[in-house]
Amino acid sequence: MENYLIEKIKVFSERYLSKLTKLRRDFHQYPELGYNEFKTAERVTKELKKLGIQVKTGVAKTGVVGILTGEKKGKTVALRADMDALPITEQTSLPYKSKNKGLMHACGHDAHMACVIGAAMILSELKEKLPGNVKFIFQPSEESPPGGAKPMIQAGVLKNPHVSGVFGLHCDSAIPVGRIGVKDGPFMAQADSFNLTIKGVGGHGARPHDCIDAILVAAQVIQALQTIASRKIDPVQPVVISVGKIQGGTKRNIICDKVTLEGTARSLNKEVTRRIPVLLKNIISGVARSAGASFELSYSPGYPVLINDHQATDLARETIANMFGRQAIFEIKKPLMGAEDFAYYLEKVPGTFLRLGIRNPKKNAIYPWHHPKFTVDEDAIKIGASVLAGVALDFLNSKKKIQSR
């Protein structure tokens, strides 16, 4: 990107920061859960239409897609933001804290929307320099599998015109404000879920020999499942099996006849993710059979492994370096075991998912995702908007073809 364009992007991001900050705070005050982002979608639509961007609403129920057509013909690049909030009661003392009881933007989606709208504002100012098109994808329900990305793709957001590259970002309170996290290759895990019911035979606590204790079987199952990671999978492959909920029993002197468990299975390797359900069932079956118990297991695949394209990530690195210097690049060394449905877009077209640094102890922006005191340093919004606008321009201007999948 030419230096004068870099300077223009920075000027526009400063000019729009106060407006974007207000917009982010409006989103924050009125959070909505997945597939209920009606007011949020209305506001997104309103802001895009102000810019003269062609908008399609009601995509996969509440999704919004805007398209900015450049003055010159060329490729199409997509920028994506998620819109949904979480069922969390906010515990901050911010003047713009959530007004929707029991709901909160505790994962930064309010800031993601502000960044993408900011990129739309900047790129609209540079429309005559766009050798192609930019799609702005505002997606519902990232927080709740099966998620909103796949229905958006099925609704055609990557077509008409065909999207050649896709970029997105996520707030990260582990990264200082002013820096952008990058990593190519596998970046986030596939996170599957399972529900398990152990069925035993109840009875009096004084006569356990006449019963089949479902609690005891469940305890043995939980321990045995850890052998998947320690004994069944190559130790260099990250695997996490976690039982997060267990429920059973009615009274201290009654042997429990039924226990329900809920858990997740996470991996960064597609072959490993295919093996886990089989291993899970075999282990549960063996433990239950040895105790004379029975079981019911349901297993649901989650979002796929998020794999950043090497060329697209390098392009983003160069954009960040040219705009803010090499010191702004925060190289993420290890993949994360969290999941993100942006992975579905990356299965279809090359792109990369960035981490937007928001950490600033002076502004209390220190809490992790999904924490009731989560907040962001809003100076990060202009950085996120600038990087997304810059990446879109660099992608469209790139002579180097990034291979489509």
Protein backbone atom coordinates (compact mmCIF):
# COMPACT_ATOMS: atom_id res chain seq x y z
CA MET A 1 0.00 0.00 0.00
CA GLU A 2 1.28 3.46 -0.89
CA ASN A 3 2.28 5.77 1.95
CA TYR A 4 -0.33 8.40 1.16
CA LEU A 5 -3.08 5.76 1.46
CA ILE A 6 -1.70 4.63 4.82
CA GLU A 7 -1.82 8.22 6.06
CA LYS A 8 -5.35 8.69 4.76
CA ILE A 9 -6.52 5.55 6.56
CA LYS A 10 -4.98 6.78 9.80
CA VAL A 11 -6.56 10.23 9.40
CA PHE A 12 -9.99 8.73 8.75
CA SER A 13 -9.69 6.30 11.66
CA GLU A 14 -8.92 9.22 14.01
CA ARG A 15 -11.74 11.27 12.54
CA TYR A 16 -14.29 8.49 13.05
CA LEU A 17 -13.05 7.23 16.43
CA SER A 18 -15.50 9.22 18.55
CA LYS A 19 -18.40 8.11 16.36
CA LEU A 20 -17.26 4.48 16.46
CA THR A 21 -16.78 4.64 20.22
CA LYS A 22 -20.33 5.89 20.66
CA LEU A 23 -21.56 3.19 18.30
CA ARG A 24 -19.72 0.48 20.25
CA ARG A 25 -21.23 1.78 23.49
CA ASP A 26 -24.71 1.72 21.98
CA PHE A 27 -24.20 -1.90 20.98
CA HIS A 28 -22.86 -2.60 24.46
CA GLN A 29 -25.90 -1.11 26.20
CA TYR A 30 -28.38 -3.21 24.25
CA PRO A 31 -26.89 -6.70 23.84
CA GLU A 32 -28.90 -9.46 22.17
CA LEU A 33 -28.44 -13.22 22.09
CA GLY A 34 -27.81 -15.27 18.95
CA TYR A 35 -30.56 -15.09 16.33
CA ASN A 36 -32.23 -12.37 18.37
CA GLU A 37 -29.95 -9.54 17.19
CA PHE A 38 -32.87 -7.64 15.64
CA LYS A 39 -32.13 -4.18 17.05
CA THR A 40 -28.41 -4.70 16.53
CA ALA A 41 -28.97 -5.64 12.89
CA GLU A 42 -31.20 -2.58 12.40
CA ARG A 43 -28.44 -0.32 13.70
CA VAL A 44 -25.77 -2.01 11.56
CA THR A 45 -28.01 -1.61 8.51
CA LYS A 46 -28.62 2.05 9.27
CA GLU A 47 -24.89 2.79 9.57
CA LEU A 48 -24.02 0.98 6.33
CA LYS A 49 -26.79 2.70 4.38
CA LYS A 50 -25.53 6.10 5.56
CA LEU A 51 -22.35 5.28 3.64
CA GLY A 52 -24.24 4.46 0.46
CA ILE A 53 -23.38 0.78 0.81
CA GLN A 54 -25.78 -1.73 -0.73
CA VAL A 55 -27.27 -3.78 2.12
CA LYS A 56 -29.05 -7.09 2.37
CA THR A 57 -30.82 -7.91 5.64
CA GLY A 58 -32.41 -11.01 7.14
CA VAL A 59 -29.56 -13.22 5.94
CA ALA A 60 -29.73 -16.45 7.98
CA LYS A 61 -32.47 -14.73 10.01
CA THR A 62 -30.67 -11.73 11.53
CA GLY A 63 -27.47 -11.44 9.50
CA VAL A 64 -26.58 -8.33 7.52
CA VAL A 65 -24.36 -8.13 4.44
CA GLY A 66 -23.15 -4.88 2.89
CA ILE A 67 -21.24 -4.56 -0.35
CA LEU A 68 -19.08 -1.63 -1.38
CA THR A 69 -18.36 -1.60 -5.09
CA GLY A 70 -15.08 0.02 -6.03
CA GLU A 71 -14.57 2.36 -8.98
CA LYS A 72 -12.40 -0.28 -10.66
CA LYS A 73 -13.22 -3.89 -11.42
CA GLY A 74 -11.42 -6.61 -9.50
CA LYS A 75 -11.66 -9.25 -6.81
CA THR A 76 -13.99 -9.27 -3.80
CA VAL A 77 -12.75 -9.42 -0.23
CA ALA A 78 -14.93 -9.94 2.87
CA LEU A 79 -14.61 -8.50 6.36
CA ARG A 80 -16.62 -10.24 9.06
CA ALA A 81 -17.96 -9.27 12.50
CA ASP A 82 -20.11 -11.26 14.91
CA MET A 83 -23.11 -9.59 16.57
CA ASP A 84 -24.39 -11.74 19.44
CA ALA A 85 -23.94 -11.25 23.18
CA LEU A 86 -23.82 -13.63 26.13
CA PRO A 87 -26.22 -14.56 28.98
CA ILE A 88 -24.04 -12.84 31.58
CA THR A 89 -25.00 -10.18 34.13
CA GLU A 90 -22.55 -7.31 33.76
CA GLN A 91 -20.60 -6.31 36.87
CA THR A 92 -18.86 -3.17 35.63
CA SER A 93 -19.69 0.36 36.77
CA LEU A 94 -19.45 1.78 33.27
CA PRO A 95 -21.99 4.50 32.42
CA TYR A 96 -22.91 2.55 29.29
CA LYS A 97 -23.24 -0.87 30.97
CA SER A 98 -25.84 -3.30 29.67
CA LYS A 99 -29.47 -2.26 29.99
CA ASN A 100 -30.75 -5.67 28.95
CA LYS A 101 -31.04 -7.69 32.14
CA GLY A 102 -28.85 -10.78 32.29
CA LEU A 103 -27.20 -10.07 28.92
CA MET A 104 -23.77 -8.65 28.18
CA HIS A 105 -21.25 -8.13 25.40
CA ALA A 106 -18.55 -9.93 27.36
CA CYS A 107 -16.59 -11.20 24.37
CA GLY A 108 -16.01 -7.99 22.44
CA HIS A 109 -18.51 -8.46 19.64
CA ASP A 110 -19.64 -4.87 20.15
CA ALA A 111 -16.08 -3.76 19.36
CA HIS A 112 -15.84 -6.16 16.41
CA MET A 113 -18.91 -4.54 14.85
CA ALA A 114 -17.49 -1.07 15.46
CA CYS A 115 -14.21 -2.09 13.78
CA VAL A 116 -15.88 -3.47 10.67
CA ILE A 117 -18.22 -0.47 10.39
CA GLY A 118 -15.13 1.70 10.87
CA ALA A 119 -13.43 -0.13 8.00
CA ALA A 120 -16.56 0.49 5.91
CA MET A 121 -16.37 4.23 6.72
CA ILE A 122 -12.70 4.39 5.77
CA LEU A 123 -13.06 2.37 2.57
CA SER A 124 -16.09 4.41 1.50
CA GLU A 125 -13.85 7.47 1.64
CA LEU A 126 -11.36 5.64 -0.60
CA LYS A 127 -13.89 4.12 -2.97
CA GLU A 128 -12.14 5.50 -6.05
CA LYS A 129 -9.00 3.60 -5.00
CA LEU A 130 -10.76 0.24 -4.65
CA PRO A 131 -9.85 -2.19 -7.45
CA GLY A 132 -12.73 -4.50 -6.62
CA ASN A 133 -15.43 -4.98 -4.01
CA VAL A 134 -15.61 -5.29 -0.24
CA LYS A 135 -18.30 -7.32 1.51
CA PHE A 136 -19.09 -6.51 5.12
CA ILE A 137 -20.51 -9.59 6.84
CA PHE A 138 -22.34 -9.13 10.16
CA GLN A 139 -23.07 -12.58 11.43
CA PRO A 140 -25.47 -13.83 14.13
CA SER A 141 -24.87 -16.41 16.82
CA GLU A 142 -21.15 -17.05 16.97
CA GLU A 143 -21.40 -17.93 20.66
CA SER A 144 -23.90 -20.78 20.32
CA PRO A 145 -23.11 -23.84 18.18
CA PRO A 146 -24.03 -24.74 15.50
CA GLY A 147 -23.40 -21.00 15.04
CA GLY A 148 -24.24 -18.43 12.43
CA ALA A 149 -21.32 -18.68 10.00
CA LYS A 150 -22.44 -21.90 8.29
CA PRO A 151 -26.02 -20.67 7.69
CA MET A 152 -24.61 -17.39 6.34
CA ILE A 153 -22.41 -19.34 3.90
CA GLN A 154 -25.37 -21.52 2.91
CA ALA A 155 -27.33 -18.32 2.29
CA GLY A 156 -24.69 -17.30 -0.25
CA VAL A 157 -22.62 -14.60 1.48
CA LEU A 158 -19.47 -15.83 -0.27
CA LYS A 159 -21.09 -15.63 -3.71
CA ASN A 160 -22.51 -12.97 -6.04
CA PRO A 161 -19.85 -11.71 -6.32
CA HIS A 162 -17.52 -14.53 -5.41
CA VAL A 163 -15.37 -13.78 -2.36
CA SER A 164 -11.68 -14.45 -2.94
CA GLY A 165 -10.45 -13.71 0.58
CA VAL A 166 -11.91 -13.21 4.04
CA PHE A 167 -10.55 -11.46 7.13
CA GLY A 168 -11.78 -11.00 10.68
CA LEU A 169 -10.50 -10.14 14.12
CA HIS A 170 -11.23 -10.83 17.77
CA CYS A 171 -10.51 -8.75 20.86
CA ASP A 172 -7.85 -10.20 23.14
CA SER A 173 -7.18 -8.87 26.63
CA ALA A 174 -3.91 -10.82 26.76
CA ILE A 175 -2.46 -8.55 24.04
CA PRO A 176 -1.64 -4.90 24.81
CA VAL A 177 -3.59 -2.23 22.98
CA GLY A 178 -1.66 -1.09 19.92
CA ARG A 179 -0.60 -4.58 18.90
CA ILE A 180 -2.24 -7.14 16.60
CA GLY A 181 -1.90 -10.87 17.15
CA VAL A 182 -1.14 -13.04 14.12
CA LYS A 183 -0.55 -16.73 13.56
CA ASP A 184 -0.64 -18.84 10.43
CA GLY A 185 -1.74 -22.44 10.23
CA PRO A 186 -3.95 -24.09 12.87
CA PHE A 187 -5.01 -21.35 15.27
CA MET A 188 -8.13 -22.49 17.14
CA ALA A 189 -9.48 -25.90 18.05
CA GLN A 190 -12.47 -27.90 16.98
CA ALA A 191 -14.66 -28.00 20.07
CA ASP A 192 -17.17 -30.85 20.07
CA SER A 193 -19.76 -31.44 22.78
CA PHE A 194 -21.19 -34.58 24.33
CA ASN A 195 -24.03 -35.46 26.67
CA LEU A 196 -23.85 -38.68 28.63
CA THR A 197 -26.37 -40.44 30.85
CA ILE A 198 -25.19 -43.27 33.13
CA LYS A 199 -27.98 -45.61 34.24
CA GLY A 200 -27.56 -47.80 37.28
CA VAL A 201 -29.87 -49.33 39.89
CA GLY A 202 -30.88 -47.31 42.94
CA GLY A 203 -31.43 -48.44 46.48
CA HIS A 204 -30.60 -47.82 50.14
CA GLY A 205 -27.19 -46.41 51.01
CA ALA A 206 -26.74 -49.21 53.56
CA ARG A 207 -27.09 -51.91 50.88
CA PRO A 208 -24.80 -50.86 48.00
CA HIS A 209 -24.31 -54.52 47.05
CA ASP A 210 -27.92 -54.62 45.90
CA CYS A 211 -27.43 -51.57 43.65
CA ILE A 212 -25.43 -50.26 40.73
CA ASP A 213 -24.12 -46.87 41.82
CA ALA A 214 -24.37 -44.47 38.89
CA ILE A 215 -22.28 -41.85 40.69
CA LEU A 216 -19.40 -44.28 41.16
CA VAL A 217 -19.59 -45.31 37.50
CA ALA A 218 -19.66 -41.65 36.43
CA ALA A 219 -16.56 -40.93 38.54
CA GLN A 220 -14.73 -43.83 36.92
CA VAL A 221 -15.81 -42.68 33.46
CA ILE A 222 -14.52 -39.14 34.07
CA GLN A 223 -11.13 -40.49 35.09
CA ALA A 224 -10.99 -43.02 32.26
CA LEU A 225 -11.76 -40.40 29.63
CA GLN A 226 -8.49 -38.67 30.47
CA THR A 227 -6.64 -41.67 29.02
CA ILE A 228 -7.75 -40.51 25.57
CA ALA A 229 -5.22 -37.67 25.78
CA SER A 230 -2.59 -39.56 27.80
CA ARG A 231 -2.68 -43.00 26.14
CA LYS A 232 -4.74 -43.04 22.96
CA ILE A 233 -3.53 -39.96 21.03
CA ASP A 234 0.01 -39.04 19.96
CA PRO A 235 1.29 -36.86 22.84
CA VAL A 236 2.46 -34.11 20.45
CA GLN A 237 -1.17 -33.57 19.40
CA PRO A 238 -3.10 -31.27 21.76
CA VAL A 239 -6.32 -32.86 23.03
CA VAL A 240 -8.58 -31.73 25.84
CA ILE A 241 -11.48 -33.80 27.22
CA SER A 242 -13.41 -31.90 29.89
CA VAL A 243 -16.55 -32.81 31.80
CA GLY A 244 -17.99 -29.46 32.85
CA LYS A 245 -21.28 -30.55 34.36
CA ILE A 246 -22.36 -33.57 36.39
CA GLN A 247 -25.72 -34.07 38.01
CA GLY A 248 -27.09 -36.99 39.97
CA GLY A 249 -28.53 -38.16 43.25
CA THR A 250 -31.40 -37.06 45.46
CA LYS A 251 -30.42 -37.79 49.08
CA ARG A 252 -27.34 -38.77 51.04
CA ASN A 253 -28.61 -42.25 51.92
CA ILE A 254 -29.95 -43.20 48.50
CA ILE A 255 -27.72 -44.92 45.96
CA CYS A 256 -28.09 -42.91 42.78
CA ASP A 257 -29.61 -44.66 39.76
CA LYS A 258 -28.90 -42.02 37.11
CA VAL A 259 -26.19 -39.43 36.46
CA THR A 260 -26.03 -36.97 33.57
CA LEU A 261 -22.77 -35.46 32.38
CA GLU A 262 -21.98 -32.75 29.84
CA GLY A 263 -18.55 -32.19 28.36
CA THR A 264 -16.37 -30.99 25.52
CA ALA A 265 -13.68 -32.59 23.40
CA ARG A 266 -11.15 -30.31 21.73
CA SER A 267 -8.36 -30.89 19.25
CA LEU A 268 -6.34 -29.06 16.59
CA ASN A 269 -6.00 -32.01 14.24
CA LYS A 270 -8.80 -33.11 11.91
CA GLU A 271 -7.81 -36.78 12.07
CA VAL A 272 -7.79 -36.67 15.87
CA THR A 273 -11.23 -35.08 15.94
CA ARG A 274 -12.54 -38.00 13.86
CA ARG A 275 -11.13 -40.54 16.34
CA ILE A 276 -12.38 -38.95 19.56
CA PRO A 277 -16.10 -39.97 19.35
CA VAL A 278 -15.15 -43.61 18.79
CA LEU A 279 -12.64 -43.60 21.66
CA LEU A 280 -15.15 -41.87 23.92
CA LYS A 281 -17.83 -44.47 23.26
CA ASN A 282 -15.46 -47.42 23.67
CA ILE A 283 -14.17 -46.21 27.03
CA ILE A 284 -17.62 -45.38 28.42
CA SER A 285 -18.94 -48.72 27.21
CA GLY A 286 -16.12 -50.64 28.89
CA VAL A 287 -16.49 -48.87 32.24
CA ALA A 288 -20.28 -49.14 32.25
CA ARG A 289 -20.23 -52.81 31.26
CA SER A 290 -17.75 -53.68 34.00
CA ALA A 291 -20.14 -52.21 36.58
CA GLY A 292 -23.31 -53.65 35.05
CA ALA A 293 -24.56 -50.17 34.17
CA SER A 294 -25.93 -48.89 30.89
CA PHE A 295 -25.49 -45.54 29.19
CA GLU A 296 -26.75 -43.17 26.52
CA LEU A 297 -24.27 -40.96 24.67
CA SER A 298 -24.92 -38.16 22.21
CA TYR A 299 -21.98 -36.50 20.48
CA SER A 300 -22.17 -33.27 18.47
CA PRO A 301 -19.28 -32.02 16.31
CA GLY A 302 -18.57 -28.33 16.94
CA TYR A 303 -16.91 -25.64 14.88
CA PRO A 304 -14.04 -27.04 12.79
CA VAL A 305 -10.36 -26.34 13.41
CA LEU A 306 -9.65 -22.75 12.43
CA ILE A 307 -6.72 -22.76 10.01
CA ASN A 308 -5.27 -19.43 8.91
CA ASP A 309 -3.95 -19.32 5.35
CA HIS A 310 -0.17 -18.72 5.26
CA GLN A 311 -0.23 -16.24 2.37
CA ALA A 312 -3.19 -14.29 3.74
CA THR A 313 -1.54 -14.10 7.16
CA ASP A 314 1.71 -12.85 5.62
CA LEU A 315 -0.28 -10.21 3.76
CA ALA A 316 -1.83 -9.10 7.05
CA ARG A 317 1.62 -8.98 8.67
CA GLU A 318 2.87 -6.67 5.94
CA THR A 319 -0.18 -4.44 6.24
CA ILE A 320 0.25 -4.12 10.00
CA ALA A 321 4.00 -3.47 9.66
CA ASN A 322 3.51 -0.81 6.99
CA MET A 323 0.81 0.95 8.98
CA PHE A 324 2.12 0.73 12.54
CA GLY A 325 5.63 -0.72 12.36
CA ARG A 326 6.93 -4.24 12.98
CA GLN A 327 6.63 -3.72 16.73
CA ALA A 328 2.84 -3.73 16.36
CA ILE A 329 2.89 -7.38 15.26
CA PHE A 330 2.28 -9.77 18.15
CA GLU A 331 3.36 -13.22 17.00
CA ILE A 332 1.16 -15.82 18.66
CA LYS A 333 3.35 -18.86 19.25
CA LYS A 334 0.80 -21.47 20.24
CA PRO A 335 -2.69 -22.29 18.97
CA LEU A 336 -5.67 -21.75 21.25
CA MET A 337 -8.00 -24.51 22.40
CA GLY A 338 -11.04 -22.24 22.17
CA ALA A 339 -13.30 -22.47 19.12
CA GLU A 340 -14.63 -19.93 16.62
CA ASP A 341 -17.02 -20.39 13.70
CA PHE A 342 -14.96 -18.05 11.48
CA ALA A 343 -13.33 -21.40 10.69
CA TYR A 344 -16.21 -22.19 8.31
CA TYR A 345 -15.35 -19.20 6.10
CA LEU A 346 -11.71 -20.28 6.02
CA GLU A 347 -12.75 -23.75 4.83
CA LYS A 348 -14.23 -22.09 1.74
CA VAL A 349 -11.84 -19.25 0.90
CA PRO A 350 -8.33 -18.24 2.04
CA GLY A 351 -8.00 -15.65 4.76
CA THR A 352 -6.86 -15.06 8.30
CA PHE A 353 -8.27 -14.36 11.75
CA LEU A 354 -6.42 -11.70 13.74
CA ARG A 355 -6.29 -10.82 17.44
CA LEU A 356 -6.93 -7.19 18.34
CA GLY A 357 -4.99 -6.11 21.42
CA ILE A 358 -7.28 -4.39 23.94
CA ARG A 359 -5.36 -4.79 27.20
CA ASN A 360 -4.80 -1.64 29.25
CA PRO A 361 -4.67 -1.94 33.07
CA LYS A 362 -5.18 1.84 33.41
CA LYS A 363 -8.63 1.43 31.84
CA ASN A 364 -9.37 -1.84 33.66
CA ALA A 365 -9.25 -3.67 30.33
CA ILE A 366 -7.66 -6.76 31.86
CA TYR A 367 -10.42 -9.34 32.16
CA PRO A 368 -10.72 -12.44 29.95
CA TRP A 369 -13.54 -13.24 27.58
CA HIS A 370 -16.90 -14.10 29.18
CA HIS A 371 -15.99 -12.36 32.44
CA PRO A 372 -18.73 -10.12 33.94
CA LYS A 373 -16.17 -7.27 34.16
CA PHE A 374 -14.84 -7.66 30.62
CA THR A 375 -14.17 -4.37 28.86
CA VAL A 376 -11.94 -2.98 26.11
CA ASP A 377 -9.62 -0.06 25.62
CA GLU A 378 -11.65 1.73 22.98
CA ASP A 379 -8.51 3.17 21.37
CA ALA A 380 -8.20 -0.32 19.88
CA ILE A 381 -11.23 0.37 17.67
CA LYS A 382 -9.37 2.78 15.40
CA ILE A 383 -6.50 0.29 15.14
CA GLY A 384 -8.85 -2.58 14.27
CA ALA A 385 -10.74 -0.47 11.72
CA SER A 386 -7.47 0.72 10.15
CA VAL A 387 -6.00 -2.78 9.91
CA LEU A 388 -9.16 -4.26 8.37
CA ALA A 389 -9.38 -1.41 5.84
CA GLY A 390 -5.68 -1.77 5.05
CA VAL A 391 -5.83 -5.53 4.70
CA ALA A 392 -8.82 -5.22 2.34
CA LEU A 393 -6.98 -2.69 0.17
CA ASP A 394 -3.76 -4.70 0.12
CA PHE A 395 -5.63 -7.89 -0.74
CA LEU A 396 -7.49 -6.24 -3.63
CA ASN A 397 -4.30 -4.63 -4.93
CA SER A 398 -2.19 -7.74 -4.55
CA LYS A 399 -0.82 -9.11 -7.80
CA LYS A 400 0.13 -12.27 -5.98
CA LYS A 401 -2.72 -14.72 -6.20
CA ILE A 402 -3.71 -16.32 -2.91
CA GLN A 403 -4.82 -19.81 -3.82
CA SER A 404 -8.53 -20.48 -3.40
CA ARG A 405 -9.52 -23.61 -1.55
